[in-house]
Amino acid sequence: MLKIEENKISVSWWDIQDLIKDLAKKIPFEVPLADSIYGIPRGGLIPSVMLSHATGLPLVQTIGKDTLVVDDMTDSGVTMNKMPGQWTATLFHKPHTSVFTPNVYSKLHEGDEWLIFPWEETNAPAIQDYLNNKK
């Protein structure tokens, strides 16, 4: 990860590959009943496809009883807190800001920096879309 501004860190594709490998190793032990993977639009789509390939679990478009719901991170935790299902996974978890703790995550991020993933624009504002008041 590379700090690109005072409050932003860029997560590289190499970082993502390592995080996915780590999650793929943890999933059979942390959520052994998971039988499919669903990616939360936008941040969870790419990680969910990568996890589907790494674990062999099918990628689905609807959440079932034993579907693993995937997102890039739990920053505020609001998105994951609203998801149906019992199994959750993220690449990063921010325990000091999130109202939700996923069943499995790859890495704790205890800083307040905004994480920018390789599929995002680096000049995006450091705020969740749903908190941004732009019209």
Protein backbone atom coordinates (compact mmCIF):
# COMPACT_ATOMS: atom_id res chain seq x y z
CA MET A 1 0.00 0.00 0.00
CA LEU A 2 1.21 3.46 -0.87
CA LYS A 3 0.27 6.68 0.90
CA ILE A 4 -0.64 9.14 -1.87
CA GLU A 5 -1.96 12.03 0.22
CA GLU A 6 -2.21 12.85 3.91
CA ASN A 7 -5.51 11.00 4.25
CA LYS A 8 -5.42 8.54 1.32
CA ILE A 9 -3.70 5.20 0.78
CA SER A 10 -3.60 3.46 -2.59
CA VAL A 11 -4.12 -0.32 -2.46
CA SER A 12 -2.36 -2.04 -5.40
CA TRP A 13 -3.44 -5.06 -7.43
CA TRP A 14 -0.58 -6.97 -5.74
CA ASP A 15 -2.06 -6.07 -2.36
CA ILE A 16 -5.48 -7.26 -3.55
CA GLN A 17 -4.07 -10.59 -4.73
CA ASP A 18 -2.44 -11.14 -1.32
CA LEU A 19 -5.65 -10.19 0.53
CA ILE A 20 -7.72 -12.56 -1.66
CA LYS A 21 -5.27 -15.43 -1.06
CA ASP A 22 -5.47 -14.78 2.67
CA LEU A 23 -9.29 -14.73 2.65
CA ALA A 24 -9.46 -17.87 0.51
CA LYS A 25 -7.38 -19.69 3.15
CA LYS A 26 -9.54 -18.44 6.04
CA ILE A 27 -12.99 -19.04 4.52
CA PRO A 28 -13.10 -22.86 4.95
CA PHE A 29 -12.30 -22.43 8.66
CA GLU A 30 -14.19 -19.22 9.51
CA VAL A 31 -17.33 -19.76 7.38
CA PRO A 32 -17.32 -23.48 6.47
CA LEU A 33 -21.03 -23.54 5.59
CA ALA A 34 -20.71 -20.88 2.88
CA ASP A 35 -21.89 -22.40 -0.39
CA SER A 36 -21.81 -19.38 -2.72
CA ILE A 37 -20.47 -15.83 -3.00
CA TYR A 38 -22.30 -12.54 -3.59
CA GLY A 39 -20.49 -9.23 -4.20
CA ILE A 40 -21.96 -5.98 -2.95
CA PRO A 41 -22.13 -3.54 -5.85
CA ARG A 42 -19.54 -1.63 -6.40
CA GLY A 43 -16.75 -2.32 -3.91
CA GLY A 44 -17.50 -6.01 -3.46
CA LEU A 45 -17.90 -7.02 -7.09
CA ILE A 46 -14.26 -7.49 -8.05
CA PRO A 47 -13.21 -9.11 -4.75
CA SER A 48 -16.18 -11.49 -4.98
CA VAL A 49 -15.21 -12.64 -8.48
CA MET A 50 -11.62 -13.15 -7.36
CA LEU A 51 -12.76 -15.06 -4.26
CA SER A 52 -15.07 -17.20 -6.35
CA HIS A 53 -12.11 -18.23 -8.51
CA ALA A 54 -9.84 -18.77 -5.50
CA THR A 55 -12.32 -20.86 -3.50
CA GLY A 56 -14.31 -22.59 -6.21
CA LEU A 57 -17.55 -21.28 -4.67
CA PRO A 58 -20.06 -20.11 -7.31
CA LEU A 59 -20.73 -16.41 -7.75
CA VAL A 60 -24.46 -15.70 -7.39
CA GLN A 61 -26.75 -12.74 -8.02
CA THR A 62 -29.04 -13.31 -5.05
CA ILE A 63 -28.20 -13.93 -1.42
CA GLY A 64 -29.20 -17.34 -0.08
CA LYS A 65 -29.10 -18.77 3.44
CA ASP A 66 -25.43 -19.82 3.17
CA THR A 67 -24.15 -17.19 0.74
CA LEU A 68 -20.96 -15.37 1.68
CA VAL A 69 -21.58 -11.63 1.20
CA VAL A 70 -18.37 -9.84 0.14
CA ASP A 71 -17.39 -6.18 0.21
CA ASP A 72 -14.06 -4.37 -0.07
CA MET A 73 -14.13 -3.06 3.49
CA THR A 74 -16.16 -2.27 6.56
CA ASP A 75 -15.42 1.40 7.10
CA SER A 76 -18.67 2.67 8.60
CA GLY A 77 -20.15 -0.84 8.42
CA VAL A 78 -23.52 0.56 7.33
CA THR A 79 -23.64 -1.35 4.02
CA MET A 80 -22.84 -4.75 5.54
CA ASN A 81 -25.14 -4.12 8.48
CA LYS A 82 -28.08 -3.87 6.03
CA MET A 83 -27.24 -7.06 4.12
CA PRO A 84 -29.33 -10.21 4.52
CA GLY A 85 -27.60 -13.50 5.18
CA GLN A 86 -25.39 -14.76 7.93
CA TRP A 87 -21.91 -14.94 6.34
CA THR A 88 -19.79 -11.89 5.52
CA ALA A 89 -16.24 -11.22 4.35
CA THR A 90 -14.19 -8.11 3.58
CA LEU A 91 -10.67 -7.32 2.49
CA PHE A 92 -10.25 -4.68 5.21
CA HIS A 93 -12.01 -4.09 8.52
CA LYS A 94 -11.84 -0.79 10.43
CA PRO A 95 -12.83 -1.79 13.98
CA HIS A 96 -12.69 1.75 15.35
CA THR A 97 -15.19 3.20 12.84
CA SER A 98 -17.40 0.27 11.83
CA VAL A 99 -20.73 -0.62 13.43
CA PHE A 100 -20.38 -4.11 11.88
CA THR A 101 -17.75 -6.83 12.18
CA PRO A 102 -17.59 -9.30 9.29
CA ASN A 103 -17.28 -13.05 9.96
CA VAL A 104 -13.95 -13.04 8.17
CA TYR A 105 -11.63 -10.31 6.92
CA SER A 106 -8.10 -10.26 5.62
CA LYS A 107 -6.61 -7.21 7.29
CA LEU A 108 -7.37 -4.75 10.07
CA HIS A 109 -6.91 -1.10 9.18
CA GLU A 110 -6.76 0.94 12.34
CA GLY A 111 -5.88 4.23 10.68
CA ASP A 112 -8.29 6.89 9.50
CA GLU A 113 -6.93 7.05 5.96
CA TRP A 114 -9.25 6.55 2.99
CA LEU A 115 -8.31 3.37 1.14
CA ILE A 116 -8.39 3.67 -2.64
CA PHE A 117 -8.72 0.37 -4.46
CA PRO A 118 -7.28 -0.23 -7.94
CA TRP A 119 -10.76 -0.19 -9.50
CA GLU A 120 -11.47 3.29 -8.10
CA GLU A 121 -10.37 6.74 -9.22
CA THR A 122 -7.49 8.12 -7.15
CA ASN A 123 -8.97 11.64 -7.14
CA ALA A 124 -12.29 10.50 -5.63
CA PRO A 125 -13.30 12.35 -2.47
CA ALA A 126 -12.44 10.59 0.80
CA ILE A 127 -16.06 10.00 1.77
CA GLN A 128 -18.57 7.21 1.15
CA ASP A 129 -20.84 7.83 -1.84
CA TYR A 130 -23.98 7.77 0.30
CA LEU A 131 -22.54 10.50 2.55
CA ASN A 132 -21.54 12.71 -0.35
CA ASN A 133 -24.17 15.46 -0.82
CA LYS A 134 -23.30 16.18 -4.47
CA LYS A 135 -26.31 16.47 -6.73
